[in-house]
Amino acid sequence: MAQVLALIDDLFFQAKLLETAKHVGVELRACTTPDALDAEIAKAAPKLVVVDLNARSNPLEAIQRVQTSGHQIPLIGFLSHVQADLAERARAAGCREVMPRSKFTRDLATILARVKSESS
């Protein structure tokens, strides 16, 4: 069971997420589509889902699906800092926290460590 799932289709950033998770000691699985995310959640609900709001695979739909899945899974979305409208739509869809990609990148190890401590 992955502790964290990520909806992301940017392979370079995906590698960064996976490397940081490995360093922190958190199992992270990357999904590139809402369907793949649904399948992973069905296996065992993760402690956190992170969503690249700039993904090409309809991230807002993915957020809505997580919200209607019946699982109480926290969602964190990240995007370009200039996309205020998209940030608001993500919050409306159910994203607990939305942050600029730069802040998400800077705080990633802390975010993942928090998941690890909550799992202990």
Protein backbone atom coordinates (compact mmCIF):
# COMPACT_ATOMS: atom_id res chain seq x y z
CA MET A 1 0.00 0.00 0.00
CA ALA A 2 1.35 3.39 -0.97
CA GLN A 3 1.16 5.94 1.83
CA VAL A 4 1.03 8.77 -0.71
CA LEU A 5 -0.39 8.84 -4.23
CA ALA A 6 0.50 11.52 -6.73
CA LEU A 7 -1.39 12.44 -9.87
CA ILE A 8 1.40 13.76 -12.05
CA ASP A 9 2.40 13.35 -15.68
CA ASP A 10 5.59 15.45 -15.64
CA LEU A 11 8.27 12.76 -15.63
CA PHE A 12 11.02 15.03 -14.32
CA PHE A 13 8.95 16.26 -11.39
CA GLN A 14 7.67 12.73 -10.82
CA ALA A 15 11.28 11.60 -10.37
CA LYS A 16 11.83 14.38 -7.84
CA LEU A 17 8.75 13.31 -5.86
CA LEU A 18 9.80 9.67 -5.86
CA GLU A 19 13.38 10.48 -4.82
CA THR A 20 12.24 12.76 -1.98
CA ALA A 21 9.76 10.14 -0.77
CA LYS A 22 12.47 7.49 -0.82
CA HIS A 23 14.80 9.77 1.15
CA VAL A 24 12.11 10.46 3.77
CA GLY A 25 11.06 6.80 3.94
CA VAL A 26 7.53 7.18 2.58
CA GLU A 27 6.09 4.94 -0.10
CA LEU A 28 4.82 7.11 -2.94
CA ARG A 29 3.17 5.85 -6.10
CA ALA A 30 2.75 8.10 -9.11
CA CYS A 31 -0.38 7.88 -11.27
CA THR A 32 -0.80 9.62 -14.61
CA THR A 33 -4.59 9.44 -14.98
CA PRO A 34 -7.67 9.76 -12.77
CA ASP A 35 -8.51 6.11 -13.56
CA ALA A 36 -5.09 4.94 -12.35
CA LEU A 37 -5.52 7.04 -9.22
CA ASP A 38 -8.94 5.47 -8.58
CA ALA A 39 -7.47 1.98 -8.97
CA GLU A 40 -4.71 2.70 -6.45
CA ILE A 41 -7.16 4.17 -3.94
CA ALA A 42 -9.37 1.09 -4.32
CA LYS A 43 -6.42 -1.16 -3.37
CA ALA A 44 -5.90 0.65 -0.07
CA ALA A 45 -6.63 4.27 0.77
CA PRO A 46 -3.43 6.33 1.08
CA LYS A 47 -2.74 8.86 3.81
CA LEU A 48 -2.38 11.69 1.26
CA VAL A 49 -3.00 12.43 -2.41
CA VAL A 50 -1.00 15.14 -4.13
CA VAL A 51 -2.22 16.51 -7.43
CA ASP A 52 -0.33 18.40 -10.10
CA LEU A 53 -3.05 20.82 -11.11
CA ASN A 54 -1.25 21.39 -14.41
CA ALA A 55 -1.43 17.70 -15.36
CA ARG A 56 -2.96 17.04 -18.77
CA SER A 57 -5.19 14.24 -17.43
CA ASN A 58 -7.97 16.35 -15.90
CA PRO A 59 -6.77 16.86 -12.31
CA LEU A 60 -10.00 18.57 -11.20
CA GLU A 61 -11.95 15.46 -12.16
CA ALA A 62 -9.46 13.37 -10.18
CA ILE A 63 -9.99 15.56 -7.10
CA GLN A 64 -13.76 15.22 -7.40
CA ARG A 65 -13.46 11.45 -7.72
CA VAL A 66 -11.34 11.24 -4.56
CA GLN A 67 -13.90 13.38 -2.73
CA THR A 68 -16.78 11.13 -3.81
CA SER A 69 -14.91 7.87 -3.17
CA GLY A 70 -16.08 7.73 0.43
CA HIS A 71 -12.51 7.86 1.73
CA GLN A 72 -11.43 10.78 3.86
CA ILE A 73 -8.12 11.36 2.09
CA PRO A 74 -6.43 14.76 2.38
CA LEU A 75 -5.60 16.35 -0.97
CA ILE A 76 -2.81 18.81 -1.70
CA GLY A 77 -2.65 20.46 -5.11
CA PHE A 78 0.21 22.41 -6.60
CA LEU A 79 0.36 24.69 -9.63
CA SER A 80 2.02 27.72 -11.14
CA HIS A 81 1.77 30.66 -8.74
CA VAL A 82 -0.05 32.82 -11.30
CA GLN A 83 -3.05 30.49 -11.69
CA ALA A 84 -5.39 31.93 -9.05
CA ASP A 85 -8.52 30.83 -10.93
CA LEU A 86 -7.34 27.21 -11.16
CA ALA A 87 -6.40 27.29 -7.47
CA GLU A 88 -9.92 28.39 -6.58
CA ARG A 89 -11.49 25.69 -8.76
CA ALA A 90 -9.28 23.06 -7.10
CA ARG A 91 -10.39 24.22 -3.64
CA ALA A 92 -14.02 24.13 -4.77
CA ALA A 93 -13.51 20.57 -6.06
CA GLY A 94 -12.26 19.50 -2.62
CA CYS A 95 -8.54 20.14 -2.47
CA ARG A 96 -7.68 20.82 1.18
CA GLU A 97 -4.58 22.81 0.37
CA VAL A 98 -3.39 24.43 -2.85
CA MET A 99 0.09 25.86 -3.13
CA PRO A 100 2.49 27.18 -5.74
CA ARG A 101 4.81 24.56 -7.20
CA SER A 102 7.81 26.39 -5.72
CA LYS A 103 6.42 26.18 -2.16
CA PHE A 104 5.35 22.56 -2.68
CA THR A 105 8.86 21.69 -3.87
CA ARG A 106 10.46 23.53 -0.97
CA ASP A 107 8.17 21.89 1.62
CA LEU A 108 7.91 18.44 0.03
CA ALA A 109 10.18 16.63 2.49
CA THR A 110 8.28 18.16 5.42
CA ILE A 111 4.90 17.25 3.92
CA LEU A 112 6.01 13.65 3.38
CA ALA A 113 7.63 13.41 6.83
CA ARG A 114 4.32 14.50 8.35
CA VAL A 115 2.59 11.61 6.54
CA LYS A 116 5.22 9.22 7.89
CA SER A 117 4.78 10.47 11.47
CA GLU A 118 0.98 10.16 11.21
CA SER A 119 1.42 6.56 10.01
CA SER A 120 3.63 5.57 12.93
